[in-house]
């Protein structure tokens, strides 16, 4: 009896269910800080490998299975394909964006974090800016520029603060006494609950307009999958409405 014949279709189905159940369980553990995200990502990788094995066995078995096993095998194929599709989409996305996690509209003189320095742990990325990122960012986000608004700095500050709050971010620091004004906030990602920091720098121009520069930086992870640039663009879109 071959290995395929010794593995019942029902067991493959149970294995597929168990494999896909790992994802929401580990996601919850990471989000509630019950598990370090690196350990969680390792479990994701193991679950994906297990799903691939289940998928291969189910497909091969389906080609020669009895009709009574078809339903269980089809369920196994569908369920095991889901984590593979999820991980595959993330791999594709990672290849579409620069492998960086610190994005700013001013790479020459990026806005500086203050509150974030206190909020970040020793395991998090430091708040310092690596000038070597400028060329990488320019190649990946050539159109990411500062926002110019036809308002004075005080009005722009009010709009910017409202935009951060509307997007569900938590204001961690604000300075509107001396130009340039600054705003800092924390944005928590929806799925895994990662906390990223954003700072806005608001400067008055000679012609009465205001220039708003932004910087968004992840606390953990090497690649942000485009999230920081998207965050800046979303904030600017809310301000410019």
Protein backbone atom coordinates (compact mmCIF):
# COMPACT_ATOMS: atom_id res chain seq x y z
CA UNK A 1 0.00 0.00 0.00
CA UNK A 2 1.39 3.37 -1.04
CA UNK A 3 1.74 6.37 1.26
CA UNK A 4 -1.19 8.10 -0.46
CA UNK A 5 -3.41 5.10 0.17
CA UNK A 6 -2.44 4.97 3.84
CA UNK A 7 -3.53 8.58 4.46
CA UNK A 8 -7.35 8.85 4.67
CA UNK A 9 -8.98 11.84 2.99
CA UNK A 10 -10.60 12.80 6.30
CA UNK A 11 -7.19 13.13 7.93
CA UNK A 12 -6.00 15.40 5.15
CA UNK A 13 -9.11 17.50 5.68
CA UNK A 14 -8.44 17.74 9.42
CA UNK A 15 -4.82 18.67 8.71
CA UNK A 16 -5.98 21.42 6.34
CA UNK A 17 -8.42 22.77 8.93
CA UNK A 18 -5.72 22.73 11.63
CA UNK A 19 -3.25 24.47 9.32
CA UNK A 20 -5.55 27.31 8.40
CA UNK A 21 -6.67 27.70 12.04
CA UNK A 22 -3.08 28.56 12.98
CA UNK A 23 -3.32 31.91 11.19
CA UNK A 24 -6.13 33.58 13.19
CA UNK A 25 -4.84 32.06 16.45
CA UNK A 26 -1.28 33.32 15.95
CA UNK A 27 -2.59 36.68 14.69
CA UNK A 28 -4.59 37.08 17.92
CA UNK A 29 -1.57 36.11 20.03
CA UNK A 30 0.65 38.65 18.26
CA UNK A 31 -1.94 41.40 18.48
CA UNK A 32 -2.44 40.86 22.21
CA UNK A 33 1.34 40.72 22.82
CA UNK A 34 1.02 37.13 24.03
CA UNK A 35 3.55 36.09 21.37
CA UNK A 36 6.52 37.89 19.85
CA UNK A 37 5.88 38.69 16.21
CA UNK A 38 9.07 36.88 15.11
CA UNK A 39 7.84 33.64 16.71
CA UNK A 40 4.47 34.24 15.09
CA UNK A 41 6.03 34.71 11.66
CA UNK A 42 7.96 31.46 12.17
CA UNK A 43 4.69 29.65 12.88
CA UNK A 44 3.17 31.26 9.78
CA UNK A 45 6.05 29.86 7.72
CA UNK A 46 5.67 26.39 9.24
CA UNK A 47 1.91 26.47 8.66
CA UNK A 48 2.44 27.51 5.05
CA UNK A 49 4.86 24.62 4.50
CA UNK A 50 2.37 22.22 6.09
CA UNK A 51 -0.41 23.61 3.89
CA UNK A 52 1.73 23.02 0.81
CA UNK A 53 2.31 19.39 1.82
CA UNK A 54 -1.40 18.85 2.46
CA UNK A 55 -2.25 20.44 -0.88
CA UNK A 56 0.17 18.20 -2.78
CA UNK A 57 -1.10 15.04 -1.09
CA UNK A 58 -4.75 16.03 -1.61
CA UNK A 59 -4.28 16.79 -5.30
CA UNK A 60 -2.39 13.54 -5.93
CA UNK A 61 -4.93 11.54 -3.96
CA UNK A 62 -7.87 13.18 -5.74
CA UNK A 63 -6.59 11.87 -9.06
CA UNK A 64 -7.08 8.28 -7.92
CA UNK A 65 -9.53 8.55 -5.03
CA UNK A 66 -12.91 6.89 -4.57
CA UNK A 67 -15.96 9.08 -5.10
CA UNK A 68 -16.67 8.91 -1.37
CA UNK A 69 -13.41 10.77 -0.67
CA UNK A 70 -13.82 13.54 -3.22
CA UNK A 71 -15.62 15.99 -0.93
CA UNK A 72 -13.02 15.74 1.85
CA UNK A 73 -10.19 16.08 -0.64
CA UNK A 74 -11.72 19.12 -2.32
CA UNK A 75 -12.17 20.78 1.07
CA UNK A 76 -8.52 19.97 1.85
CA UNK A 77 -7.37 21.53 -1.41
CA UNK A 78 -9.37 24.73 -0.91
CA UNK A 79 -8.39 25.21 2.73
CA UNK A 80 -4.71 24.47 2.18
CA UNK A 81 -4.59 26.79 -0.82
CA UNK A 82 -5.78 29.79 1.21
CA UNK A 83 -2.63 30.25 3.37
CA UNK A 84 -0.48 29.66 0.29
CA UNK A 85 -2.35 32.38 -1.57
CA UNK A 86 -2.00 34.74 1.41
CA UNK A 87 1.73 34.21 1.78
CA UNK A 88 2.19 34.37 -1.98
CA UNK A 89 0.42 37.72 -2.17
CA UNK A 90 2.71 39.11 0.53
CA UNK A 91 5.78 37.88 -1.32
CA UNK A 92 4.55 39.57 -4.50
CA UNK A 93 3.80 42.76 -2.58
CA UNK A 94 7.24 42.71 -0.95
CA UNK A 95 8.83 42.64 -4.40
CA UNK A 96 6.75 45.63 -5.52
CA UNK A 97 8.01 48.01 -2.84
CA UNK A 98 11.45 49.13 -1.65
CA UNK A 99 12.87 47.02 1.18
CA UNK A 100 12.74 49.88 3.70
CA UNK A 101 10.59 50.92 6.67
CA UNK A 102 11.36 54.64 7.07
CA UNK A 103 9.71 57.03 4.59
CA UNK A 104 9.83 60.82 4.46
CA UNK A 105 8.91 63.63 2.10
CA UNK A 106 12.21 65.37 2.89
CA UNK A 107 15.17 63.00 2.67
CA UNK A 108 17.68 65.87 3.02
CA UNK A 109 16.28 67.17 6.32
CA UNK A 110 13.66 64.68 7.47
CA UNK A 111 11.25 65.64 10.26
CA UNK A 112 12.58 64.35 13.57
CA UNK A 113 10.74 62.25 16.14
CA UNK A 114 10.70 63.21 19.81
CA UNK A 115 7.86 61.34 21.54
CA UNK A 116 8.64 58.19 19.52
CA UNK A 117 12.04 57.96 21.18
CA UNK A 118 10.32 57.37 24.53
CA UNK A 119 7.67 55.06 23.15
CA UNK A 120 10.03 52.69 21.34
CA UNK A 121 11.64 49.77 23.16
CA UNK A 122 15.25 48.66 22.87
CA UNK A 123 14.16 45.98 20.37
CA UNK A 124 12.47 48.53 18.09
CA UNK A 125 14.14 50.45 15.29
CA UNK A 126 15.83 53.66 16.51
CA UNK A 127 14.36 57.02 15.51
CA UNK A 128 17.52 58.08 13.66
CA UNK A 129 17.32 58.50 9.89
CA UNK A 130 19.69 56.58 7.63
CA UNK A 131 20.70 58.86 4.77
CA UNK A 132 21.38 55.81 2.60
CA UNK A 133 17.62 55.29 2.39
CA UNK A 134 17.12 58.42 0.28
CA UNK A 135 18.21 56.86 -3.00
CA UNK A 136 16.20 53.70 -2.37
CA UNK A 137 13.10 55.72 -1.53
CA UNK A 138 13.46 57.94 -4.58
CA UNK A 139 13.55 54.87 -6.82
CA UNK A 140 10.46 53.37 -5.19
CA UNK A 141 8.39 56.50 -4.49
CA UNK A 142 9.53 59.21 -6.91
CA UNK A 143 6.26 61.15 -6.56
CA UNK A 144 6.18 61.34 -2.76
CA UNK A 145 6.54 65.05 -2.01
CA UNK A 146 5.66 67.58 0.68
CA UNK A 147 2.11 68.92 0.71
CA UNK A 148 1.50 72.60 -0.01
CA UNK A 149 -1.75 74.07 1.29
CA UNK A 150 -3.18 77.52 0.64
CA UNK A 151 -3.63 78.31 4.35
CA UNK A 152 -1.55 79.77 7.12
CA UNK A 153 0.43 77.48 9.41
CA UNK A 154 -2.09 77.59 12.27
CA UNK A 155 -4.97 76.58 10.03
CA UNK A 156 -2.82 73.87 8.42
CA UNK A 157 -1.91 72.57 11.88
CA UNK A 158 -5.58 72.29 12.79
CA UNK A 159 -6.34 70.44 9.56
CA UNK A 160 -3.39 68.11 10.03
CA UNK A 161 -4.35 67.22 13.59
CA UNK A 162 -7.94 66.55 12.53
CA UNK A 163 -6.69 64.31 9.71
CA UNK A 164 -4.59 62.19 12.06
CA UNK A 165 -7.51 61.76 14.44
CA UNK A 166 -9.95 60.96 11.63
CA UNK A 167 -7.62 58.19 10.48
CA UNK A 168 -7.71 56.65 13.94
CA UNK A 169 -4.21 57.64 15.03
CA UNK A 170 -3.22 58.58 18.58
CA UNK A 171 -1.57 61.99 18.99
CA UNK A 172 1.59 61.57 21.07
CA UNK A 173 3.13 65.07 20.81
CA UNK A 174 2.28 68.47 19.39
CA UNK A 175 4.05 71.80 19.20
CA UNK A 176 2.33 74.88 17.82
CA UNK A 177 4.18 77.61 19.66
CA UNK A 178 7.18 78.17 17.42
CA UNK A 179 7.47 77.49 13.70
CA UNK A 180 7.91 74.94 12.35
CA UNK A 181 4.96 73.37 14.12
CA UNK A 182 5.08 69.60 14.65
CA UNK A 183 2.63 66.79 15.24
CA UNK A 184 3.46 63.22 16.20
CA UNK A 185 1.10 60.26 16.25
CA UNK A 186 1.02 56.50 16.51
CA UNK A 187 -0.85 54.41 13.98
CA UNK A 188 -1.79 50.82 14.89
CA UNK A 189 -2.09 48.39 11.98
CA UNK A 190 -5.43 46.62 11.72
CA UNK A 191 -4.40 42.99 11.43
CA UNK A 192 -1.38 42.38 13.66
CA UNK A 193 -1.56 45.54 15.74
CA UNK A 194 1.91 46.79 14.85
CA UNK A 195 2.53 50.36 16.01
CA UNK A 196 4.16 52.79 13.56
CA UNK A 197 5.10 56.40 14.23
CA UNK A 198 4.40 59.42 12.05
CA UNK A 199 5.55 63.02 12.44
CA UNK A 200 4.35 66.08 10.51
CA UNK A 201 6.39 69.29 10.16
CA UNK A 202 4.40 72.41 9.28
CA UNK A 203 6.23 75.45 7.93
CA UNK A 204 4.99 78.84 6.72
CA UNK A 205 6.20 80.08 3.33
CA UNK A 206 6.90 83.67 2.30
CA UNK A 207 3.84 83.73 0.05
CA UNK A 208 1.42 82.87 2.87
CA UNK A 209 1.09 79.20 2.05
CA UNK A 210 2.16 76.29 4.22
CA UNK A 211 4.39 73.32 3.45
CA UNK A 212 3.76 70.09 5.34
CA UNK A 213 6.49 67.45 5.40
CA UNK A 214 5.89 64.01 6.84
CA UNK A 215 7.88 61.03 8.02
CA UNK A 216 6.46 57.63 8.86
CA UNK A 217 8.54 54.83 10.35
CA UNK A 218 7.78 51.27 11.42
CA UNK A 219 8.91 50.16 14.85
CA UNK A 220 9.63 46.58 13.77
CA UNK A 221 10.25 44.69 10.55
CA UNK A 222 12.62 45.26 7.66
CA UNK A 223 10.10 45.92 4.89
CA UNK A 224 6.86 47.85 5.39
CA UNK A 225 5.19 46.54 2.20
CA UNK A 226 4.48 50.14 1.21
CA UNK A 227 2.52 50.91 4.37
CA UNK A 228 4.47 54.01 5.48
CA UNK A 229 4.22 55.75 2.12
CA UNK A 230 0.52 54.90 1.98
CA UNK A 231 0.04 56.34 5.47
CA UNK A 232 1.61 59.66 4.44
CA UNK A 233 -0.49 59.79 1.29
CA UNK A 234 -3.68 59.08 3.27
CA UNK A 235 -2.90 61.87 5.76
CA UNK A 236 -2.15 64.34 2.96
CA UNK A 237 -5.36 63.36 1.17
CA UNK A 238 -7.39 64.09 4.30
CA UNK A 239 -5.68 67.44 4.82
CA UNK A 240 -6.18 68.52 1.21
CA UNK A 241 -9.90 67.72 1.07
